[in-house]
Amino acid sequence: MPDSPAAVLHRLDMVCSPQQAELAAGLLAACWELGWEELPEPAGDAVRLRLHHMELSPLRVVAGMLQQHLPDCEVTFAETPHRNWALAWREFFTAVLCGDDFVVLAPWMREEHPYRDRHAIIIDPKMAFGTGHHPTTAMCLQAVSLLQRAGKLPQGFRFLDLGTGSGILGIGCAMLGGSGIGLDIDPEAYENGVENARANAVTDRFAVHTGGLDALPGLAGDERFDLVLANILAEPLIDLAPGLLARVKPGGALVLSGLLTIQIEAVASAYTALGLPAPEVLTSGEWSALVWS
């Protein structure tokens, strides 16, 4: 349920130093796919980061994340009249081709689109939890396509999607015949993932739950999966290496993303130190994904 009528556009402003703005921009690049403005303050010694959204709750989530890393920065919320905001979404959102098998579409594109040879993943762009526009999301779906086409995912493969967000990766896996679990520590991401799984008619093959790896024993016992995906950030990918690897079935595949290209060595080293070979690397701009199979 929207927080307010579509005629109101919510705004988040964060004022910080130029150095803090660089860190904030890096954090936003990893979790906010809808873009933002960087505006110089009149005094010249501060920067204002400005985000807009038709709902307030996603902005609150992002503000909490930013304040956790940058507690000294000033954060404010405001409302702006925007009578045509619902139509603005349609102007913004474009179909995203991911790998050879997927296209990500908004709900209003479901009936009329030219990509009938692909699995159409329907994601409502009201929420900022993963629409396929971010390179890391697209690369993960590309990796799943490559693994499937190379015969490295068995029929009816089991998967784990850690940091599922909108559920887009789990939905894609389910469309290829897999079944599995999506986990996210953010309760709002959970709600969005459930909604999208339902919209794509994969709830019988893809179950979304709140929590991290520590929630798995209660959901799947000691199960090991044919495919483990984690599109989060470099630091948790490093910290979670033993736990993630323990959930990969022998001969299974592991796909990691959410990392910058300059972070490849640090993340890969955490896994090669546990016995894995060097990964295959996918790159898109400044972002990368690591694939073991």
Protein backbone atom coordinates (compact mmCIF):
# COMPACT_ATOMS: atom_id res chain seq x y z
CA MET A 1 0.00 0.00 0.00
CA PRO A 2 1.53 3.38 -0.98
CA ASP A 3 2.48 5.73 1.83
CA SER A 4 0.70 8.61 0.10
CA PRO A 5 -1.24 9.53 -3.02
CA ALA A 6 0.66 9.46 -6.30
CA ALA A 7 0.29 13.24 -6.51
CA VAL A 8 2.98 13.56 -3.81
CA LEU A 9 6.63 12.90 -4.55
CA HIS A 10 8.81 12.23 -1.51
CA ARG A 11 12.32 13.68 -1.26
CA LEU A 12 15.33 12.74 0.83
CA ASP A 13 18.13 15.30 1.27
CA MET A 14 21.47 14.47 2.87
CA VAL A 15 24.01 17.24 3.49
CA CYS A 16 27.62 16.19 4.02
CA SER A 17 31.22 17.05 3.21
CA PRO A 18 32.61 16.32 -0.28
CA GLN A 19 34.60 13.42 1.18
CA GLN A 20 31.52 11.97 2.87
CA ALA A 21 29.56 12.44 -0.36
CA GLU A 22 32.00 10.12 -2.14
CA LEU A 23 31.34 7.37 0.39
CA ALA A 24 27.60 8.01 0.27
CA ALA A 25 27.62 7.79 -3.53
CA GLY A 26 29.38 4.44 -3.34
CA LEU A 27 26.80 3.13 -0.89
CA LEU A 28 23.93 4.40 -3.03
CA ALA A 29 25.41 2.84 -6.17
CA ALA A 30 25.14 -0.56 -4.51
CA CYS A 31 21.54 -0.30 -3.32
CA TRP A 32 19.64 2.52 -5.07
CA GLU A 33 18.95 2.02 -8.76
CA LEU A 34 16.79 5.08 -9.35
CA GLY A 35 19.48 7.77 -9.44
CA TRP A 36 20.15 10.84 -7.32
CA GLU A 37 21.33 14.43 -7.57
CA GLU A 38 24.51 15.92 -6.13
CA LEU A 39 24.03 19.63 -5.49
CA PRO A 40 26.71 22.00 -4.13
CA GLU A 41 25.64 23.98 -1.08
CA PRO A 42 25.89 27.80 -1.38
CA ALA A 43 28.70 27.94 1.18
CA GLY A 44 30.78 25.68 -1.06
CA ASP A 45 32.06 23.40 1.71
CA ALA A 46 29.23 20.86 1.63
CA VAL A 47 27.30 18.70 -0.83
CA ARG A 48 23.59 17.90 -0.88
CA LEU A 49 22.57 14.45 -2.11
CA ARG A 50 18.92 14.37 -3.19
CA LEU A 51 16.77 11.29 -3.86
CA HIS A 52 13.13 11.11 -4.94
CA HIS A 53 10.57 8.35 -4.67
CA MET A 54 6.80 8.04 -4.90
CA GLU A 55 6.77 6.20 -1.54
CA LEU A 56 8.37 7.30 1.71
CA SER A 57 9.36 3.89 3.09
CA PRO A 58 12.20 3.13 0.61
CA LEU A 59 13.71 6.55 1.35
CA ARG A 60 13.58 5.81 5.08
CA VAL A 61 15.42 2.53 4.50
CA VAL A 62 18.14 4.27 2.50
CA ALA A 63 18.40 7.09 5.05
CA GLY A 64 18.92 4.57 7.83
CA MET A 65 21.67 2.85 5.87
CA LEU A 66 23.42 6.16 5.11
CA GLN A 67 23.19 7.36 8.71
CA GLN A 68 24.63 4.08 9.94
CA HIS A 69 27.80 4.75 7.93
CA LEU A 70 27.73 8.56 8.12
CA PRO A 71 26.07 9.49 11.42
CA ASP A 72 27.27 13.12 11.33
CA CYS A 73 25.46 13.96 8.10
CA GLU A 74 22.18 15.88 8.17
CA VAL A 75 19.19 14.00 6.73
CA THR A 76 15.79 15.58 6.01
CA PHE A 77 12.59 14.53 4.27
CA ALA A 78 10.16 16.67 2.30
CA GLU A 79 7.19 16.35 -0.06
CA THR A 80 6.83 17.82 -3.52
CA PRO A 81 3.59 17.97 -5.55
CA HIS A 82 3.94 15.76 -8.62
CA ARG A 83 0.61 15.19 -10.33
CA ASN A 84 1.99 13.02 -13.15
CA TRP A 85 4.29 10.83 -11.07
CA ALA A 86 2.62 7.56 -12.09
CA LEU A 87 3.26 8.41 -15.74
CA ALA A 88 6.83 9.44 -14.93
CA TRP A 89 7.58 5.85 -13.88
CA ARG A 90 6.57 4.67 -17.33
CA GLU A 91 8.84 7.18 -19.01
CA PHE A 92 11.76 6.12 -16.82
CA PHE A 93 11.48 2.34 -16.88
CA THR A 94 12.88 0.46 -19.88
CA ALA A 95 13.10 -3.25 -20.57
CA VAL A 96 16.40 -4.77 -19.43
CA LEU A 97 17.92 -7.69 -21.33
CA CYS A 98 19.93 -9.92 -18.96
CA GLY A 99 22.04 -12.69 -20.42
CA ASP A 100 20.49 -14.79 -23.19
CA ASP A 101 17.40 -15.92 -21.32
CA PHE A 102 15.82 -13.02 -19.44
CA VAL A 103 14.16 -9.68 -19.93
CA VAL A 104 13.05 -7.57 -16.96
CA LEU A 105 9.78 -5.71 -17.54
CA ALA A 106 7.47 -3.42 -15.60
CA PRO A 107 3.89 -4.66 -15.08
CA TRP A 108 2.46 -2.43 -17.82
CA MET A 109 4.84 -4.04 -20.35
CA ARG A 110 3.63 -7.57 -19.65
CA GLU A 111 1.18 -7.87 -22.54
CA GLU A 112 3.04 -5.99 -25.27
CA HIS A 113 6.78 -6.48 -25.67
CA PRO A 114 9.00 -7.89 -28.46
CA TYR A 115 11.03 -10.32 -26.32
CA ARG A 116 8.87 -13.45 -26.60
CA ASP A 117 11.94 -15.70 -26.83
CA ARG A 118 12.99 -14.73 -23.29
CA HIS A 119 11.66 -15.36 -19.81
CA ALA A 120 9.91 -12.13 -18.79
CA ILE A 121 10.56 -11.20 -15.15
CA ILE A 122 7.95 -8.69 -13.99
CA ILE A 123 9.27 -6.26 -11.39
CA ASP A 124 7.22 -3.31 -10.14
CA PRO A 125 9.64 -0.33 -10.10
CA LYS A 126 7.75 1.37 -7.28
CA MET A 127 10.31 -0.16 -4.93
CA ALA A 128 14.09 0.26 -5.07
CA PHE A 129 15.13 -3.29 -4.22
CA GLY A 130 16.38 -4.43 -7.63
CA THR A 131 14.89 -3.82 -11.06
CA GLY A 132 17.65 -5.29 -13.21
CA HIS A 133 18.99 -1.88 -14.22
CA HIS A 134 21.97 -2.16 -11.88
CA PRO A 135 24.92 -3.96 -13.53
CA THR A 136 25.37 -6.39 -10.64
CA THR A 137 21.80 -7.65 -10.95
CA ALA A 138 22.10 -8.03 -14.72
CA MET A 139 25.44 -9.84 -14.39
CA CYS A 140 24.02 -12.33 -11.89
CA LEU A 141 21.18 -13.18 -14.28
CA GLN A 142 23.74 -13.42 -17.09
CA ALA A 143 25.76 -15.86 -14.97
CA VAL A 144 22.67 -18.00 -14.35
CA SER A 145 22.01 -18.07 -18.11
CA LEU A 146 25.60 -19.10 -18.83
CA LEU A 147 25.52 -21.87 -16.22
CA GLN A 148 22.21 -23.19 -17.52
CA ARG A 149 23.33 -23.19 -21.15
CA ALA A 150 26.62 -24.88 -20.24
CA GLY A 151 24.71 -27.73 -18.60
CA LYS A 152 26.08 -26.91 -15.15
CA LEU A 153 22.67 -26.65 -13.48
CA PRO A 154 20.89 -30.02 -13.18
CA GLN A 155 17.22 -30.40 -14.00
CA GLY A 156 15.18 -29.15 -11.06
CA PHE A 157 18.26 -27.56 -9.49
CA ARG A 158 18.08 -26.18 -5.97
CA PHE A 159 19.25 -22.62 -5.33
CA LEU A 160 19.88 -20.15 -2.52
CA ASP A 161 19.64 -16.39 -3.16
CA LEU A 162 21.21 -14.43 -0.30
CA GLY A 163 20.29 -10.73 -0.23
CA THR A 164 17.33 -11.43 -2.48
CA GLY A 165 15.95 -7.85 -2.45
CA SER A 166 13.17 -7.72 -5.04
CA GLY A 167 13.54 -11.46 -5.57
CA ILE A 168 14.61 -10.93 -9.16
CA LEU A 169 17.41 -13.53 -9.13
CA GLY A 170 15.33 -16.19 -7.43
CA ILE A 171 12.46 -15.53 -9.83
CA GLY A 172 14.83 -15.98 -12.76
CA CYS A 173 16.14 -19.26 -11.35
CA ALA A 174 12.60 -20.53 -10.80
CA MET A 175 11.72 -19.69 -14.40
CA LEU A 176 14.59 -21.93 -15.54
CA GLY A 177 13.13 -24.84 -13.60
CA GLY A 178 14.91 -24.42 -10.29
CA SER A 179 13.43 -24.21 -6.82
CA GLY A 180 14.89 -22.52 -3.80
CA ILE A 181 15.03 -19.96 -1.05
CA GLY A 182 15.57 -16.19 -1.01
CA LEU A 183 16.86 -14.51 2.15
CA ASP A 184 17.09 -10.82 3.03
CA ILE A 185 17.71 -9.13 6.36
CA ASP A 186 15.48 -6.17 5.36
CA PRO A 187 11.79 -6.80 6.23
CA GLU A 188 10.65 -4.41 3.49
CA ALA A 189 12.73 -6.26 0.92
CA TYR A 190 11.02 -9.44 2.11
CA GLU A 191 7.59 -7.95 1.42
CA ASN A 192 8.71 -6.77 -2.02
CA GLY A 193 10.21 -10.16 -2.84
CA VAL A 194 7.02 -11.98 -1.87
CA GLU A 195 4.95 -9.57 -3.95
CA ASN A 196 7.15 -10.05 -7.02
CA ALA A 197 7.26 -13.85 -6.64
CA ARG A 198 3.47 -13.81 -6.62
CA ALA A 199 3.31 -11.50 -9.65
CA ASN A 200 5.56 -13.89 -11.58
CA ALA A 201 3.64 -17.02 -10.50
CA VAL A 202 6.68 -18.75 -8.98
CA THR A 203 5.63 -18.99 -5.33
CA ASP A 204 5.51 -22.79 -5.63
CA ARG A 205 9.22 -22.82 -6.52
CA PHE A 206 10.64 -19.77 -4.77
CA ALA A 207 10.13 -19.00 -1.07
CA VAL A 208 11.27 -15.64 0.35
CA HIS A 209 12.19 -15.33 4.03
CA THR A 210 13.57 -12.67 6.35
CA GLY A 211 17.07 -13.31 7.70
CA GLY A 212 20.62 -14.15 6.76
CA LEU A 213 22.61 -17.36 6.58
CA ASP A 214 21.91 -18.00 10.25
CA ALA A 215 18.22 -18.44 9.38
CA LEU A 216 18.91 -21.35 7.02
CA PRO A 217 19.05 -24.22 9.53
CA GLY A 218 15.44 -23.57 10.49
CA LEU A 219 14.37 -23.35 6.84
CA ALA A 220 16.48 -25.94 5.06
CA GLY A 221 18.38 -27.87 7.71
CA ASP A 222 21.89 -28.59 6.50
CA GLU A 223 20.91 -28.59 2.81
CA ARG A 224 23.59 -27.77 0.27
CA PHE A 225 22.49 -26.17 -2.99
CA ASP A 226 23.31 -26.65 -6.67
CA LEU A 227 23.55 -22.87 -7.02
CA VAL A 228 24.27 -20.20 -4.41
CA LEU A 229 23.88 -16.52 -5.36
CA ALA A 230 24.87 -13.53 -3.22
CA ASN A 231 24.54 -10.05 -4.69
CA ILE A 232 25.41 -7.94 -1.65
CA LEU A 233 28.61 -5.95 -0.90
CA ALA A 234 32.30 -6.83 -0.87
CA GLU A 235 32.78 -6.73 2.91
CA PRO A 236 29.96 -9.14 3.80
CA LEU A 237 30.96 -11.38 0.88
CA ILE A 238 34.39 -11.70 2.50
CA ASP A 239 33.01 -12.18 6.02
CA LEU A 240 30.46 -14.78 4.89
CA ALA A 241 32.85 -16.83 2.75
CA PRO A 242 32.96 -19.93 5.01
CA GLY A 243 29.19 -19.92 5.54
CA LEU A 244 28.37 -19.43 1.86
CA LEU A 245 30.81 -22.06 0.68
CA ALA A 246 29.42 -24.54 3.20
CA ARG A 247 26.03 -24.22 1.47
CA VAL A 248 27.34 -25.07 -2.02
CA LYS A 249 26.84 -28.71 -2.99
CA PRO A 250 30.00 -30.50 -4.22
CA GLY A 251 30.16 -29.77 -7.93
CA GLY A 252 27.74 -26.87 -7.48
CA ALA A 253 28.02 -23.25 -8.61
CA LEU A 254 28.63 -20.04 -6.67
CA VAL A 255 27.87 -16.55 -8.05
CA LEU A 256 28.94 -13.44 -6.11
CA SER A 257 28.36 -9.81 -7.02
CA GLY A 258 27.83 -6.39 -5.51
CA LEU A 259 31.55 -5.73 -5.70
CA LEU A 260 33.55 -3.12 -7.56
CA THR A 261 36.18 -4.29 -10.05
CA ILE A 262 38.89 -2.97 -7.73
CA GLN A 263 37.57 -5.33 -5.03
CA ILE A 264 37.87 -8.53 -7.11
CA GLU A 265 41.17 -9.65 -5.62
CA ALA A 266 40.10 -9.13 -2.01
CA VAL A 267 36.81 -11.00 -2.42
CA ALA A 268 38.20 -13.80 -4.59
CA SER A 269 41.07 -14.36 -2.14
CA ALA A 270 38.61 -15.05 0.69
CA TYR A 271 37.27 -17.99 -1.33
CA THR A 272 40.46 -19.31 -2.94
CA ALA A 273 41.90 -19.44 0.60
CA LEU A 274 39.16 -21.98 1.35
CA GLY A 275 40.18 -24.19 -1.57
CA LEU A 276 38.30 -22.79 -4.57
CA PRO A 277 40.15 -22.15 -7.84
CA ALA A 278 40.32 -18.71 -9.42
CA PRO A 279 36.80 -17.61 -10.45
CA GLU A 280 35.47 -16.61 -13.83
CA VAL A 281 35.01 -12.83 -13.78
CA LEU A 282 32.17 -10.90 -15.42
CA THR A 283 32.58 -7.13 -15.64
CA SER A 284 30.23 -4.27 -16.48
CA GLY A 285 31.70 -0.81 -16.08
CA GLU A 286 33.14 -0.51 -12.58
CA TRP A 287 31.18 -3.50 -11.26
CA SER A 288 32.04 -7.21 -11.36
CA ALA A 289 30.66 -10.66 -10.60
CA LEU A 290 32.62 -13.78 -9.66
CA VAL A 291 31.49 -17.21 -10.85
CA TRP A 292 32.69 -20.62 -9.68
CA SER A 293 31.28 -23.76 -11.32
